[in-house]
Amino acid sequence: MFTTLYELFLGQNNDPIYVDEIFTPVGTITLLVALILALVFYLGLGRWRSVFHRVPHWVITLVVLLIFAFAYAIWYALDRTGADDTDSYMTGFGGINALYAAIEFFVFSIALKRFSIFARRTPF
């Protein structure tokens, strides 16, 4: 599933290590981190105090996720391929992973905001 999503924007790479060892673990970890951050925002902070219910707090959480998703994808690809530095495919992979993380976080936000006490109207 993740291979199809990443190759939709990136295209196929000549190195089969991306399909075999990189796309699935990175996609899975990114999905889990997006879910965990959404759970923390809506069920943790959104029920704890009325301080963390504004849109800027949601945007900060999203930015933290985007930085993680981009950095983790590049780090994992560098580690698995054994490359000394990044190439354009790795950078694109990090960017696409961040894009998917943003989409996942938004979907989780829509699903979880009804369970929050103070953040029911965040992000909208």
N, C-alpha and C. Protein backbone atom coordinates (compact mmCIF):
# COMPACT_ATOMS: atom_id res chain seq x y z
N MET A 1 0.82 -1.19 0.00
CA MET A 1 0.00 0.00 0.00
C MET A 1 0.87 1.26 0.00
N PHE A 2 1.85 1.32 0.88
CA PHE A 2 2.70 2.51 0.96
C PHE A 2 3.55 2.67 -0.30
N THR A 3 3.96 1.57 -0.88
CA THR A 3 4.75 1.65 -2.10
C THR A 3 3.98 2.37 -3.20
N THR A 4 2.73 2.02 -3.35
CA THR A 4 1.90 2.66 -4.37
C THR A 4 1.74 4.15 -4.09
N LEU A 5 1.52 4.50 -2.83
CA LEU A 5 1.33 5.91 -2.48
C LEU A 5 2.59 6.73 -2.73
N TYR A 6 3.74 6.21 -2.34
CA TYR A 6 4.97 6.96 -2.53
C TYR A 6 5.36 7.04 -4.01
N GLU A 7 5.21 5.93 -4.72
CA GLU A 7 5.58 5.93 -6.14
C GLU A 7 4.61 6.73 -6.99
N LEU A 8 3.44 7.04 -6.47
CA LEU A 8 2.47 7.86 -7.19
C LEU A 8 3.08 9.24 -7.51
N PHE A 9 3.80 9.81 -6.55
CA PHE A 9 4.43 11.12 -6.75
C PHE A 9 5.91 11.02 -7.11
N LEU A 10 6.59 10.04 -6.55
CA LEU A 10 8.04 9.96 -6.75
C LEU A 10 8.45 9.21 -8.01
N GLY A 11 7.63 8.30 -8.45
CA GLY A 11 8.03 7.42 -9.54
C GLY A 11 8.87 6.28 -8.98
N GLN A 12 9.20 5.34 -9.81
CA GLN A 12 9.99 4.20 -9.35
C GLN A 12 11.46 4.57 -9.30
N ASN A 13 12.14 3.97 -8.35
CA ASN A 13 13.58 4.14 -8.22
C ASN A 13 14.25 2.88 -8.74
N ASN A 14 15.43 3.05 -9.31
CA ASN A 14 16.17 1.89 -9.82
C ASN A 14 16.64 0.98 -8.70
N ASP A 15 16.80 1.54 -7.51
CA ASP A 15 17.24 0.76 -6.36
C ASP A 15 16.03 0.09 -5.72
N PRO A 16 15.95 -1.25 -5.74
CA PRO A 16 14.77 -1.93 -5.17
C PRO A 16 14.70 -1.87 -3.64
N ILE A 17 15.70 -1.32 -2.99
CA ILE A 17 15.70 -1.26 -1.54
C ILE A 17 14.57 -0.37 -1.01
N TYR A 18 14.17 0.63 -1.79
CA TYR A 18 13.06 1.49 -1.37
C TYR A 18 11.77 0.69 -1.25
N VAL A 19 11.48 -0.13 -2.24
CA VAL A 19 10.27 -0.94 -2.22
C VAL A 19 10.37 -2.03 -1.16
N ASP A 20 11.53 -2.65 -1.05
CA ASP A 20 11.70 -3.80 -0.16
C ASP A 20 11.84 -3.42 1.31
N GLU A 21 12.54 -2.31 1.62
CA GLU A 21 12.91 -2.05 3.01
C GLU A 21 12.59 -0.65 3.54
N ILE A 22 12.19 0.27 2.70
CA ILE A 22 12.07 1.65 3.18
C ILE A 22 10.63 2.14 3.22
N PHE A 23 9.88 1.98 2.16
CA PHE A 23 8.55 2.58 2.08
C PHE A 23 7.60 2.11 3.19
N THR A 24 7.50 0.83 3.40
CA THR A 24 6.54 0.31 4.39
C THR A 24 6.87 0.70 5.82
N PRO A 25 8.11 0.52 6.30
CA PRO A 25 8.39 0.93 7.68
C PRO A 25 8.22 2.44 7.91
N VAL A 26 8.66 3.24 6.97
CA VAL A 26 8.54 4.69 7.13
C VAL A 26 7.07 5.11 7.10
N GLY A 27 6.30 4.56 6.19
CA GLY A 27 4.88 4.87 6.13
C GLY A 27 4.13 4.45 7.38
N THR A 28 4.47 3.29 7.91
CA THR A 28 3.81 2.79 9.12
C THR A 28 4.15 3.64 10.33
N ILE A 29 5.42 3.96 10.52
CA ILE A 29 5.83 4.77 11.66
C ILE A 29 5.23 6.18 11.56
N THR A 30 5.22 6.74 10.38
CA THR A 30 4.64 8.07 10.19
C THR A 30 3.14 8.06 10.51
N LEU A 31 2.44 7.03 10.08
CA LEU A 31 1.02 6.91 10.38
C LEU A 31 0.79 6.79 11.89
N LEU A 32 1.59 5.99 12.56
CA LEU A 32 1.46 5.83 14.01
C LEU A 32 1.77 7.12 14.77
N VAL A 33 2.80 7.83 14.36
CA VAL A 33 3.16 9.09 15.02
C VAL A 33 2.07 10.13 14.80
N ALA A 34 1.50 10.18 13.60
CA ALA A 34 0.40 11.12 13.34
C ALA A 34 -0.80 10.79 14.23
N LEU A 35 -1.09 9.51 14.38
CA LEU A 35 -2.20 9.11 15.25
C LEU A 35 -1.91 9.44 16.71
N ILE A 36 -0.70 9.18 17.16
CA ILE A 36 -0.33 9.47 18.55
C ILE A 36 -0.41 10.97 18.84
N LEU A 37 0.11 11.79 17.93
CA LEU A 37 0.05 13.24 18.14
C LEU A 37 -1.39 13.75 18.13
N ALA A 38 -2.23 13.20 17.27
CA ALA A 38 -3.64 13.60 17.27
C ALA A 38 -4.32 13.16 18.56
N LEU A 39 -4.01 11.96 19.04
CA LEU A 39 -4.57 11.50 20.31
C LEU A 39 -4.12 12.37 21.47
N VAL A 40 -2.84 12.74 21.47
CA VAL A 40 -2.33 13.61 22.54
C VAL A 40 -3.01 14.97 22.48
N PHE A 41 -3.15 15.52 21.28
CA PHE A 41 -3.76 16.84 21.15
C PHE A 41 -5.23 16.84 21.58
N TYR A 42 -6.00 15.89 21.07
CA TYR A 42 -7.44 15.92 21.31
C TYR A 42 -7.86 15.23 22.61
N LEU A 43 -7.26 14.10 22.92
CA LEU A 43 -7.69 13.37 24.11
C LEU A 43 -6.84 13.68 25.34
N GLY A 44 -5.66 14.17 25.13
CA GLY A 44 -4.81 14.55 26.25
C GLY A 44 -4.96 16.02 26.57
N LEU A 45 -4.40 16.85 25.72
CA LEU A 45 -4.43 18.29 25.95
C LEU A 45 -5.83 18.88 25.79
N GLY A 46 -6.61 18.35 24.87
CA GLY A 46 -7.95 18.87 24.62
C GLY A 46 -8.96 18.55 25.71
N ARG A 47 -8.62 17.65 26.59
CA ARG A 47 -9.49 17.34 27.73
C ARG A 47 -8.91 17.86 29.04
N TRP A 48 -7.63 18.21 29.01
CA TRP A 48 -6.95 18.59 30.24
C TRP A 48 -7.27 20.02 30.66
N ARG A 49 -7.03 20.96 29.77
CA ARG A 49 -7.25 22.37 30.07
C ARG A 49 -7.78 23.08 28.84
N SER A 50 -8.38 24.20 29.08
CA SER A 50 -8.90 24.97 27.94
C SER A 50 -7.82 25.84 27.30
N VAL A 51 -6.59 25.64 27.67
CA VAL A 51 -5.49 26.44 27.15
C VAL A 51 -5.06 25.94 25.76
N PHE A 52 -5.10 24.65 25.52
CA PHE A 52 -4.54 24.06 24.31
C PHE A 52 -5.58 23.76 23.24
N HIS A 53 -6.55 24.61 23.08
CA HIS A 53 -7.60 24.31 22.12
C HIS A 53 -7.61 25.24 20.90
N ARG A 54 -6.69 26.13 20.82
CA ARG A 54 -6.69 27.10 19.73
C ARG A 54 -5.96 26.57 18.49
N VAL A 55 -6.25 27.19 17.38
CA VAL A 55 -5.66 26.78 16.11
C VAL A 55 -4.13 26.88 16.11
N PRO A 56 -3.51 27.92 16.71
CA PRO A 56 -2.05 27.94 16.72
C PRO A 56 -1.42 26.71 17.41
N HIS A 57 -2.08 26.19 18.42
CA HIS A 57 -1.56 24.98 19.07
C HIS A 57 -1.66 23.77 18.14
N TRP A 58 -2.75 23.72 17.39
CA TRP A 58 -2.92 22.65 16.42
C TRP A 58 -1.86 22.76 15.32
N VAL A 59 -1.60 23.97 14.87
CA VAL A 59 -0.59 24.19 13.83
C VAL A 59 0.80 23.82 14.34
N ILE A 60 1.11 24.16 15.59
CA ILE A 60 2.40 23.78 16.17
C ILE A 60 2.54 22.27 16.21
N THR A 61 1.48 21.58 16.60
CA THR A 61 1.51 20.11 16.61
C THR A 61 1.72 19.57 15.20
N LEU A 62 1.06 20.15 14.23
CA LEU A 62 1.22 19.74 12.84
C LEU A 62 2.65 19.98 12.36
N VAL A 63 3.22 21.11 12.68
CA VAL A 63 4.59 21.43 12.26
C VAL A 63 5.59 20.45 12.89
N VAL A 64 5.38 20.11 14.15
CA VAL A 64 6.24 19.11 14.80
C VAL A 64 6.16 17.79 14.05
N LEU A 65 4.96 17.39 13.67
CA LEU A 65 4.79 16.16 12.90
C LEU A 65 5.47 16.24 11.54
N LEU A 66 5.33 17.37 10.86
CA LEU A 66 5.95 17.53 9.54
C LEU A 66 7.47 17.46 9.61
N ILE A 67 8.04 18.09 10.61
CA ILE A 67 9.49 18.04 10.79
C ILE A 67 9.93 16.61 11.06
N PHE A 68 9.21 15.92 11.94
CA PHE A 68 9.53 14.52 12.22
C PHE A 68 9.43 13.68 10.96
N ALA A 69 8.32 13.80 10.22
CA ALA A 69 8.09 12.96 9.04
C ALA A 69 9.17 13.17 7.99
N PHE A 70 9.54 14.42 7.75
CA PHE A 70 10.57 14.71 6.76
C PHE A 70 11.93 14.16 7.22
N ALA A 71 12.31 14.46 8.45
CA ALA A 71 13.62 14.03 8.95
C ALA A 71 13.71 12.52 9.08
N TYR A 72 12.65 11.89 9.55
CA TYR A 72 12.67 10.44 9.73
C TYR A 72 12.79 9.73 8.39
N ALA A 73 12.06 10.19 7.38
CA ALA A 73 12.13 9.55 6.07
C ALA A 73 13.54 9.64 5.49
N ILE A 74 14.16 10.80 5.60
CA ILE A 74 15.52 10.95 5.07
C ILE A 74 16.51 10.14 5.88
N TRP A 75 16.41 10.18 7.20
CA TRP A 75 17.33 9.41 8.04
C TRP A 75 17.21 7.92 7.76
N TYR A 76 15.99 7.42 7.67
CA TYR A 76 15.79 5.99 7.44
C TYR A 76 16.30 5.58 6.06
N ALA A 77 16.05 6.41 5.06
CA ALA A 77 16.53 6.11 3.71
C ALA A 77 18.06 6.14 3.65
N LEU A 78 18.67 7.11 4.32
CA LEU A 78 20.14 7.15 4.37
C LEU A 78 20.71 5.92 5.05
N ASP A 79 20.07 5.53 6.14
CA ASP A 79 20.54 4.37 6.90
C ASP A 79 20.43 3.08 6.09
N ARG A 80 19.31 2.88 5.44
CA ARG A 80 19.09 1.63 4.70
C ARG A 80 19.87 1.55 3.40
N THR A 81 20.03 2.66 2.72
CA THR A 81 20.76 2.62 1.45
C THR A 81 22.27 2.67 1.65
N GLY A 82 22.70 3.16 2.81
CA GLY A 82 24.14 3.27 3.06
C GLY A 82 24.78 4.43 2.32
N ALA A 83 24.00 5.35 1.85
CA ALA A 83 24.52 6.51 1.13
C ALA A 83 25.20 7.47 2.11
N ASP A 84 26.15 8.23 1.59
CA ASP A 84 26.86 9.20 2.41
C ASP A 84 26.06 10.48 2.60
N ASP A 85 25.34 10.89 1.58
CA ASP A 85 24.49 12.07 1.71
C ASP A 85 23.23 11.89 0.87
N THR A 86 22.31 12.81 1.03
CA THR A 86 21.01 12.67 0.38
C THR A 86 21.10 12.98 -1.11
N ASP A 87 20.19 12.39 -1.84
CA ASP A 87 20.03 12.73 -3.25
C ASP A 87 18.64 13.30 -3.45
N SER A 88 18.30 13.63 -4.66
CA SER A 88 17.01 14.27 -4.92
C SER A 88 15.84 13.32 -4.64
N TYR A 89 16.02 12.02 -4.85
CA TYR A 89 14.95 11.07 -4.58
C TYR A 89 14.66 11.00 -3.08
N MET A 90 15.71 11.00 -2.26
CA MET A 90 15.52 10.97 -0.81
C MET A 90 14.83 12.24 -0.31
N THR A 91 15.24 13.37 -0.84
CA THR A 91 14.62 14.63 -0.44
C THR A 91 13.15 14.67 -0.86
N GLY A 92 12.86 14.20 -2.06
CA GLY A 92 11.48 14.10 -2.49
C GLY A 92 10.68 13.13 -1.64
N PHE A 93 11.32 12.04 -1.25
CA PHE A 93 10.67 11.06 -0.38
C PHE A 93 10.34 11.69 0.97
N GLY A 94 11.25 12.47 1.51
CA GLY A 94 10.98 13.17 2.77
C GLY A 94 9.83 14.16 2.63
N GLY A 95 9.79 14.87 1.53
CA GLY A 95 8.71 15.83 1.29
C GLY A 95 7.35 15.16 1.12
N ILE A 96 7.33 14.07 0.37
CA ILE A 96 6.08 13.33 0.18
C ILE A 96 5.63 12.70 1.49
N ASN A 97 6.58 12.21 2.28
CA ASN A 97 6.22 11.64 3.58
C ASN A 97 5.62 12.72 4.49
N ALA A 98 6.17 13.92 4.45
CA ALA A 98 5.60 15.03 5.23
C ALA A 98 4.20 15.38 4.73
N LEU A 99 4.00 15.36 3.42
CA LEU A 99 2.67 15.62 2.86
C LEU A 99 1.66 14.59 3.34
N TYR A 100 2.03 13.33 3.27
CA TYR A 100 1.13 12.27 3.75
C TYR A 100 0.89 12.38 5.26
N ALA A 101 1.90 12.78 6.01
CA ALA A 101 1.72 12.97 7.45
C ALA A 101 0.70 14.07 7.73
N ALA A 102 0.75 15.16 6.96
CA ALA A 102 -0.21 16.25 7.13
C ALA A 102 -1.62 15.78 6.82
N ILE A 103 -1.78 15.02 5.76
CA ILE A 103 -3.10 14.49 5.40
C ILE A 103 -3.61 13.54 6.49
N GLU A 104 -2.75 12.67 6.97
CA GLU A 104 -3.13 11.73 8.03
C GLU A 104 -3.54 12.47 9.30
N PHE A 105 -2.75 13.48 9.68
CA PHE A 105 -3.07 14.23 10.89
C PHE A 105 -4.40 14.96 10.74
N PHE A 106 -4.67 15.51 9.58
CA PHE A 106 -5.93 16.19 9.35
C PHE A 106 -7.11 15.21 9.46
N VAL A 107 -6.97 14.03 8.86
CA VAL A 107 -8.03 13.02 8.94
C VAL A 107 -8.24 12.56 10.38
N PHE A 108 -7.15 12.32 11.10
CA PHE A 108 -7.27 11.94 12.51
C PHE A 108 -7.89 13.07 13.33
N SER A 109 -7.59 14.30 12.98
CA SER A 109 -8.18 15.44 13.68
C SER A 109 -9.69 15.48 13.50
N ILE A 110 -10.14 15.26 12.28
CA ILE A 110 -11.58 15.25 12.02
C ILE A 110 -12.25 14.13 12.81
N ALA A 111 -11.59 12.97 12.88
CA ALA A 111 -12.18 11.82 13.56
C ALA A 111 -12.16 11.97 15.08
N LEU A 112 -11.13 12.60 15.63
CA LEU A 112 -10.96 12.62 17.08
C LEU A 112 -11.48 13.87 17.77
N LYS A 113 -11.74 14.92 17.04
CA LYS A 113 -12.11 16.17 17.71
C LYS A 113 -13.44 16.09 18.44
N ARG A 114 -14.31 15.20 18.05
CA ARG A 114 -15.59 15.06 18.75
C ARG A 114 -15.43 14.46 20.15
N PHE A 115 -14.28 13.81 20.41
CA PHE A 115 -14.03 13.22 21.72
C PHE A 115 -13.33 14.18 22.68
N SER A 116 -12.99 15.35 22.19
CA SER A 116 -12.31 16.35 23.00
C SER A 116 -13.34 17.23 23.70
N ILE A 117 -12.95 17.76 24.84
CA ILE A 117 -13.83 18.66 25.57
C ILE A 117 -13.63 20.10 25.10
N PHE A 118 -12.38 20.54 25.06
CA PHE A 118 -12.09 21.94 24.75
C PHE A 118 -11.72 22.18 23.29
N ALA A 119 -11.27 21.16 22.58
CA ALA A 119 -10.78 21.34 21.21
C ALA A 119 -11.75 20.80 20.17
N ARG A 120 -13.03 20.86 20.44
CA ARG A 120 -14.02 20.32 19.50
C ARG A 120 -14.09 21.12 18.21
N ARG A 121 -13.72 22.35 18.24
CA ARG A 121 -13.80 23.18 17.03
C ARG A 121 -12.44 23.45 16.40
N THR A 122 -11.44 22.75 16.86
CA THR A 122 -10.10 22.91 16.29
C THR A 122 -9.85 21.78 15.32
N PRO A 123 -9.44 21.99 14.13
CA PRO A 123 -8.90 23.19 13.53
C PRO A 123 -9.95 24.13 12.97
N PHE A 124 -11.20 23.76 12.85
CA PHE A 124 -12.20 24.65 12.27
C PHE A 124 -13.24 25.01 13.30
